[in-house]
Every structure is written in structure tokens, then in C-alpha cells.
Protein backbone atom coordinates (compact mmCIF):
# COMPACT_ATOMS: atom_id res chain seq x y z
CA MET A 1 0.00 -0.01 0.01
CA THR A 2 1.24 3.49 -0.90
CA THR A 3 0.89 6.01 1.89
CA LEU A 4 -0.38 9.47 0.93
CA SER A 5 0.26 12.68 2.80
CA SER A 6 -2.31 15.24 3.88
CA SER A 7 -0.53 18.21 2.32
CA SER A 8 -2.38 18.19 -1.03
CA PRO A 9 -5.52 16.73 -2.56
CA ARG A 10 -5.37 12.97 -2.64
CA TYR A 11 -6.15 12.69 -6.37
CA GLN A 12 -3.24 15.03 -7.16
CA GLN A 13 -0.90 12.79 -5.20
CA VAL A 14 -2.17 9.66 -6.99
CA THR A 15 -1.74 11.48 -10.32
CA ALA A 16 1.83 12.42 -9.46
CA ILE A 17 2.78 8.90 -8.38
CA LEU A 18 1.24 7.28 -11.45
CA GLN A 19 2.89 9.89 -13.68
CA ARG A 20 6.25 9.05 -12.11
CA ASP A 21 5.65 5.33 -12.56
CA ILE A 22 4.81 5.83 -16.21
CA GLN A 23 7.89 8.00 -16.85
CA SER A 24 10.12 5.48 -15.01
CA GLY A 25 8.91 2.66 -17.29
CA LEU A 26 6.99 0.75 -14.59
CA TYR A 27 3.98 1.06 -16.92
CA PRO A 28 5.40 1.06 -20.49
CA VAL A 29 3.74 2.76 -23.41
CA GLY A 30 1.03 0.45 -24.72
CA SER A 31 0.46 -1.31 -21.41
CA LEU A 32 -2.59 -0.94 -19.19
CA LEU A 33 -2.68 0.75 -15.80
CA PRO A 34 -3.87 -1.55 -12.98
CA PRO A 35 -7.68 -1.76 -12.84
CA GLU A 36 -9.58 0.71 -10.74
CA PRO A 37 -10.22 -1.61 -7.72
CA GLN A 38 -6.51 -2.46 -7.53
CA LEU A 39 -5.53 1.25 -7.55
CA CYS A 40 -8.13 1.91 -4.84
CA LEU A 41 -6.45 -0.68 -2.65
CA GLN A 42 -2.92 0.43 -3.53
CA PHE A 43 -3.55 4.05 -2.46
CA ALA A 44 -6.36 3.42 0.06
CA VAL A 45 -8.64 5.91 -1.73
CA SER A 46 -12.13 5.94 -3.15
CA ARG A 47 -13.08 5.17 -6.78
CA HIS A 48 -13.86 8.86 -7.26
CA THR A 49 -10.29 9.79 -6.31
CA VAL A 50 -8.84 7.23 -8.73
CA ARG A 51 -11.07 8.42 -11.52
CA GLU A 52 -10.04 12.03 -10.96
CA ALA A 53 -6.36 10.97 -11.03
CA VAL A 54 -6.89 9.06 -14.27
CA ARG A 55 -8.79 11.99 -15.79
CA ALA A 56 -5.82 14.24 -15.00
CA LEU A 57 -3.44 11.75 -16.64
CA CYS A 58 -5.68 11.76 -19.74
CA GLU A 59 -5.55 15.52 -19.94
CA LEU A 60 -1.76 15.40 -19.68
CA GLY A 61 -1.74 13.10 -22.73
CA LEU A 62 -0.13 10.21 -20.84
CA VAL A 63 -3.05 7.73 -20.92
CA SER A 64 -6.35 7.13 -22.66
CA ARG A 65 -9.45 5.31 -21.51
CA HIS A 66 -10.97 2.50 -23.52
CA GLN A 67 -14.37 1.18 -22.47
CA GLY A 68 -14.26 -2.54 -21.78
CA VAL A 69 -10.45 -2.59 -22.01
CA GLY A 70 -9.00 -0.27 -19.34
CA THR A 71 -6.66 2.69 -19.20
CA ARG A 72 -3.83 2.43 -21.68
CA VAL A 73 -0.51 4.25 -21.44
CA ARG A 74 -0.05 6.26 -24.62
CA ALA A 75 2.99 8.42 -23.91
CA LYS A 76 5.94 8.46 -21.50
CA GLN A 77 6.43 12.22 -21.50
CA LEU A 78 3.99 15.06 -21.04
CA ALA A 79 2.32 16.28 -24.22
CA LYS A 80 3.99 19.52 -25.34
CA ARG A 81 1.86 22.58 -25.92
CA TYR A 82 2.15 23.65 -29.55
CA THR A 83 2.23 27.39 -30.16
CA ALA A 84 1.27 28.76 -33.54
CA SER A 85 2.12 32.37 -34.31
CA LEU A 86 -0.24 33.31 -37.11
CA SER A 87 -0.36 36.77 -38.69
CA SER A 88 -0.75 35.98 -42.39
CA LEU A 89 -2.05 33.35 -44.75
CA ARG A 90 1.53 32.26 -45.33
CA ASP A 91 1.99 31.72 -41.60
CA LEU A 92 -1.10 29.54 -41.54
CA MET A 93 0.12 27.45 -44.45
CA GLU A 94 3.54 27.01 -42.88
CA TYR A 95 1.94 25.94 -39.60
CA THR A 96 0.10 23.15 -41.36
CA GLN A 97 3.38 21.92 -42.82
CA GLN A 98 5.12 21.99 -39.45
CA THR A 99 2.76 19.33 -38.08
CA ARG A 100 2.04 15.80 -39.20
CA LEU A 101 -1.37 14.94 -40.60
CA LYS A 102 -2.97 11.60 -39.80
CA TYR A 103 -5.80 10.60 -42.15
CA LEU A 104 -8.66 8.58 -40.54
CA GLY A 105 -11.16 8.32 -43.39
CA CYS A 106 -13.82 10.27 -45.29
CA GLN A 107 -17.51 10.35 -46.15
CA TRP A 108 -19.86 12.29 -48.35
CA VAL A 109 -22.30 14.52 -46.48
CA ASP A 110 -25.30 16.61 -47.52
CA ALA A 111 -25.25 19.69 -45.27
CA ASP A 112 -28.22 19.75 -42.92
CA GLU A 113 -29.26 23.02 -41.29
CA ASN A 114 -26.83 22.65 -38.41
CA LEU A 115 -23.79 21.85 -40.61
CA ALA A 116 -24.78 24.52 -43.14
CA ARG A 117 -24.83 27.10 -40.37
CA GLN A 118 -21.36 26.07 -39.17
CA ILE A 119 -19.62 25.95 -42.55
CA VAL A 120 -21.68 28.81 -44.02
CA CYS A 121 -23.23 27.10 -47.00
CA GLU A 122 -26.72 26.39 -48.31
CA PRO A 123 -28.59 23.43 -46.72
CA GLY A 124 -28.44 20.39 -48.98
CA GLU A 125 -25.02 21.24 -50.48
CA ARG A 126 -22.81 18.21 -50.90
CA TRP A 127 -19.34 18.11 -49.31
CA LEU A 128 -16.60 15.55 -48.90
CA GLU A 129 -15.75 15.32 -45.17
CA LEU A 130 -12.15 14.32 -44.36
CA ASN A 131 -11.59 13.02 -40.81
CA THR A 132 -8.02 13.75 -39.65
CA TYR A 133 -5.84 14.76 -36.72
CA ARG A 134 -2.47 16.50 -36.42
CA CYS A 135 0.58 15.78 -34.29
CA SER A 136 3.74 17.73 -33.80
CA VAL A 137 6.62 16.62 -35.98
CA ASP A 138 8.51 15.13 -33.02
CA GLY A 139 5.67 13.41 -31.18
CA ASP A 140 2.64 11.17 -31.51
CA VAL A 141 0.21 12.86 -29.13
CA PRO A 142 -2.62 14.50 -31.15
CA ILE A 143 -2.72 18.28 -31.10
CA VAL A 144 -6.07 18.63 -32.82
CA HIS A 145 -8.94 16.60 -34.18
CA MET A 146 -9.82 18.13 -37.54
CA ARG A 147 -12.68 17.64 -39.95
CA VAL A 148 -12.10 19.20 -43.33
CA TYR A 149 -14.93 19.83 -45.75
CA VAL A 150 -14.06 20.18 -49.46
CA ARG A 151 -16.03 20.67 -52.63
CA PRO A 152 -17.12 17.69 -54.81
CA GLU A 153 -14.50 18.62 -57.45
CA CYS A 154 -11.86 17.64 -54.89
CA ASP A 155 -13.00 13.99 -54.98
CA GLY A 156 -9.89 11.84 -55.34
CA MET A 157 -7.66 13.83 -53.05
CA GLN A 158 -8.47 11.47 -50.19
CA ASN A 159 -6.46 8.83 -51.96
CA ASP A 160 -3.38 11.09 -51.79
CA LEU A 161 -3.88 11.54 -48.02
CA GLU A 162 -3.68 7.87 -47.19
CA ASP A 163 0.15 7.77 -47.51
CA GLY A 164 0.46 10.45 -44.81
CA GLY A 165 2.86 12.60 -46.72
CA ALA A 166 0.52 14.92 -48.64
CA TRP A 167 -0.21 18.53 -47.86
CA ILE A 168 -3.96 18.83 -47.61
CA TYR A 169 -4.33 22.44 -48.72
CA GLY A 170 -2.03 21.89 -51.66
CA LEU A 171 -4.29 19.06 -52.71
CA ILE A 172 -7.37 21.31 -52.41
CA GLU A 173 -5.72 23.73 -54.82
CA LYS A 174 -4.62 20.86 -57.14
CA TYR A 175 -7.98 19.15 -57.37
CA GLY A 176 -10.13 22.29 -57.03
CA GLY A 177 -8.30 24.08 -59.83
CA GLN A 178 -7.69 27.39 -58.05
CA ARG A 179 -5.48 28.89 -55.34
CA ILE A 180 -6.53 29.62 -51.79
CA LEU A 181 -6.38 33.45 -51.58
CA GLU A 182 -7.88 34.13 -48.20
CA ALA A 183 -8.50 32.36 -44.87
CA GLN A 184 -10.95 33.46 -42.17
CA GLN A 185 -10.76 32.11 -38.65
CA ILE A 186 -13.27 32.00 -35.77
CA ILE A 187 -12.18 30.75 -32.33
CA GLY A 188 -14.49 29.77 -29.48
CA ALA A 189 -14.69 27.62 -26.37
CA VAL A 190 -16.18 24.15 -26.68
CA ALA A 191 -16.94 21.10 -24.56
CA VAL A 192 -14.90 18.45 -26.39
CA PRO A 193 -17.34 16.15 -28.19
CA GLU A 194 -17.15 12.43 -27.51
CA ASP A 195 -15.74 11.47 -30.93
CA SER A 196 -12.98 14.08 -30.67
CA ALA A 197 -12.27 13.10 -27.05
CA LYS A 198 -11.55 9.50 -28.09
CA ILE A 199 -8.97 10.63 -30.64
CA LEU A 200 -7.39 13.27 -28.40
CA GLY A 201 -7.30 11.07 -25.34
CA VAL A 202 -9.22 13.44 -23.08
CA GLN A 203 -12.50 13.25 -21.23
CA PRO A 204 -15.71 13.98 -23.19
CA ASP A 205 -17.04 17.47 -22.42
CA SER A 206 -13.68 18.61 -21.04
CA PRO A 207 -12.70 22.21 -21.94
CA GLY A 208 -11.35 22.81 -25.41
CA LEU A 209 -11.04 25.23 -28.30
CA LEU A 210 -13.15 25.07 -31.46
CA VAL A 211 -11.38 26.80 -34.36
CA ARG A 212 -13.31 27.14 -37.62
CA ARG A 213 -11.25 28.11 -40.67
CA TYR A 214 -12.76 29.13 -44.01
CA TYR A 215 -10.55 28.99 -47.12
CA LEU A 216 -11.61 31.19 -50.04
CA GLY A 217 -10.59 31.36 -53.67
CA ARG A 218 -11.42 33.72 -56.53
CA ALA A 219 -14.47 35.91 -56.08
CA GLU A 220 -14.48 34.81 -52.44
CA ARG A 221 -15.78 31.36 -53.38
CA LEU A 222 -15.67 29.02 -50.37
CA LEU A 223 -13.29 26.17 -51.26
CA SER A 224 -12.93 24.41 -47.94
CA VAL A 225 -13.81 24.60 -44.24
CA SER A 226 -11.92 22.98 -41.38
CA MET A 227 -13.51 22.31 -37.96
CA ASN A 228 -10.69 21.95 -35.45
CA VAL A 229 -11.07 20.79 -31.84
CA TYR A 230 -8.06 21.40 -29.58
CA PRO A 231 -7.55 20.28 -25.94
CA VAL A 232 -6.79 23.40 -23.89
CA ASP A 233 -3.43 22.09 -22.63
CA ARG A 234 -1.82 21.25 -25.99
CA PHE A 235 -2.19 24.27 -28.18
CA GLU A 236 -2.19 28.04 -28.02
CA PHE A 237 -2.34 30.84 -30.59
CA ALA A 238 0.07 33.77 -30.53
CA THR A 239 -0.82 36.97 -32.35
CA ARG A 240 0.73 40.40 -32.47
CA TRP A 241 -1.12 43.71 -32.70
CA ARG A 242 0.52 47.06 -33.38
CA LEU A 243 -0.92 50.56 -33.02
CA GLU A 244 -0.73 52.62 -36.21
CA THR A 245 -0.49 56.26 -35.07
CA GLU A 246 -2.27 59.01 -36.84
CA GLY A 247 -0.26 60.53 -39.64
CA SER A 248 1.98 57.55 -39.98
CA VAL A 249 3.29 57.01 -43.47
CA ASN A 250 3.06 53.74 -45.30
CA PRO A 251 5.99 53.75 -47.75
CA GLU A 252 4.33 51.19 -49.97
CA THR A 253 1.28 53.37 -50.71
CA SER A 254 2.54 56.93 -50.25
CA PRO A 255 3.46 58.91 -53.36
CA PRO A 256 7.18 59.68 -53.91
């Protein structure tokens, strides 16, 4: 039996001990943590305390829960928070190439009223939905669960995604026949949906970010929309704002 102190919440102590055991290799990546009753006995704590400790490990990206199987160790080290500094369309495109895309599958969807409202299209429009997630280039912990909606003319690009080396927005331009000229982004809070939670290894309804990106071509035609769900502890945006004082001169537009 492991003795806990009274100096901090018991679930935090259980979390710290299990985290140490995972990082030491006592529970290797791919193995299962002891079942809940065994952990209760080991630490002399309630099921609620054990569940809170496992939830914290899930949010750290170290383990994931699998119903009917148990809690599986998915990483030895803490998931790194990925910071994207985005101030231009070029920055956004470079960010997508600095992460690794994992393709999970696709399906054709006819936009119902809810989807049409989210991706800003007419109800009944047909889209190809690509189910993907992204990891950092030096790790396997998912940063974001991403659903990408593309026009029917992009049918076929999903075959190029299966090898894992393709650049998704380059394929949209290739198959769609025109360049992406503008991207619009909307960021909001979200309770992580159950399907995203399974991929990201976090608890359903835990706090997250929902980032909607709209990619436009000529005449502001909507070419693609991505719906991105991020756990709050693995990603952050960095932007820079600068005050333009009155009377300042822009050398690119001022006459000689």
C-alpha cells in the first residue's frame, strides 16, 4: 500500500505517483494501468479519487481510457503545448506543414441546417468530409482533431492523403483548380465532443477550443472549411497587434 500525505488533494498525489511510474517505465507505453479496484487498494482511496487521477493523466496526454479494455498508457512524457504564431495566410500554411497529418477516413455529407450554419453554405449542399488529426513533428500525441470539408470537385484527393505525406491544402488547390487566396478564422470555447475526445485522449465534455477556418478562392468562393477541436493544454495561438499612429506614413502606398 502506498501512503499518501495530507498536504495536497489525494487525487493530485495519486496522479503524481502514477505519472512518475509511467515515466520510469513501470507502466510502459502500450500497457494498461492496474484496474480501478486495484488502484483503490494500492492508495487506500475511493473510486472517485482514482477516476479524478486518471482523468488528470488523460488531460496530460499520458493515458487514454478504452471502455471494456481499461486505461492504456499512450506516452511516456507530457504532451507539449504547440504554439502557432499566425499573422498571415503564409504563416497559416507554414503551420500546417510543421505538423504531421494523420488521415482517418472520409464520407460524403449533404449539409443539414446545423452543418450549413457552421460551414456557411446552403442546406443540402454536398461536401466531402475528411476526418483527420495532427501531431507535432517530433511526437505522436494528437494536437487537434480536424474535420475538413471540401467541394465535390476535390474527390480523389483522399487517396493522396492515405500515404500520410501529402499537404492537404495543396491538394485542395490541385484538385479544385484554383489557389486559396484568403482564410478566415473563428475561435471559441467548446466542450470536447465524444468522438474528438476518443482521438485526443481526453474526457468527453472537457474544456477545449473550437477553431473554424474558411478557405476562399477567386471571387471569395468558399473552397474548404476545417473544424478543429483542440484540448486546452496542448495548443495556443500567438498573435501580435501594433498601433498605427495618426499621420503615420506607409512607404508602400505613399506617393514619392
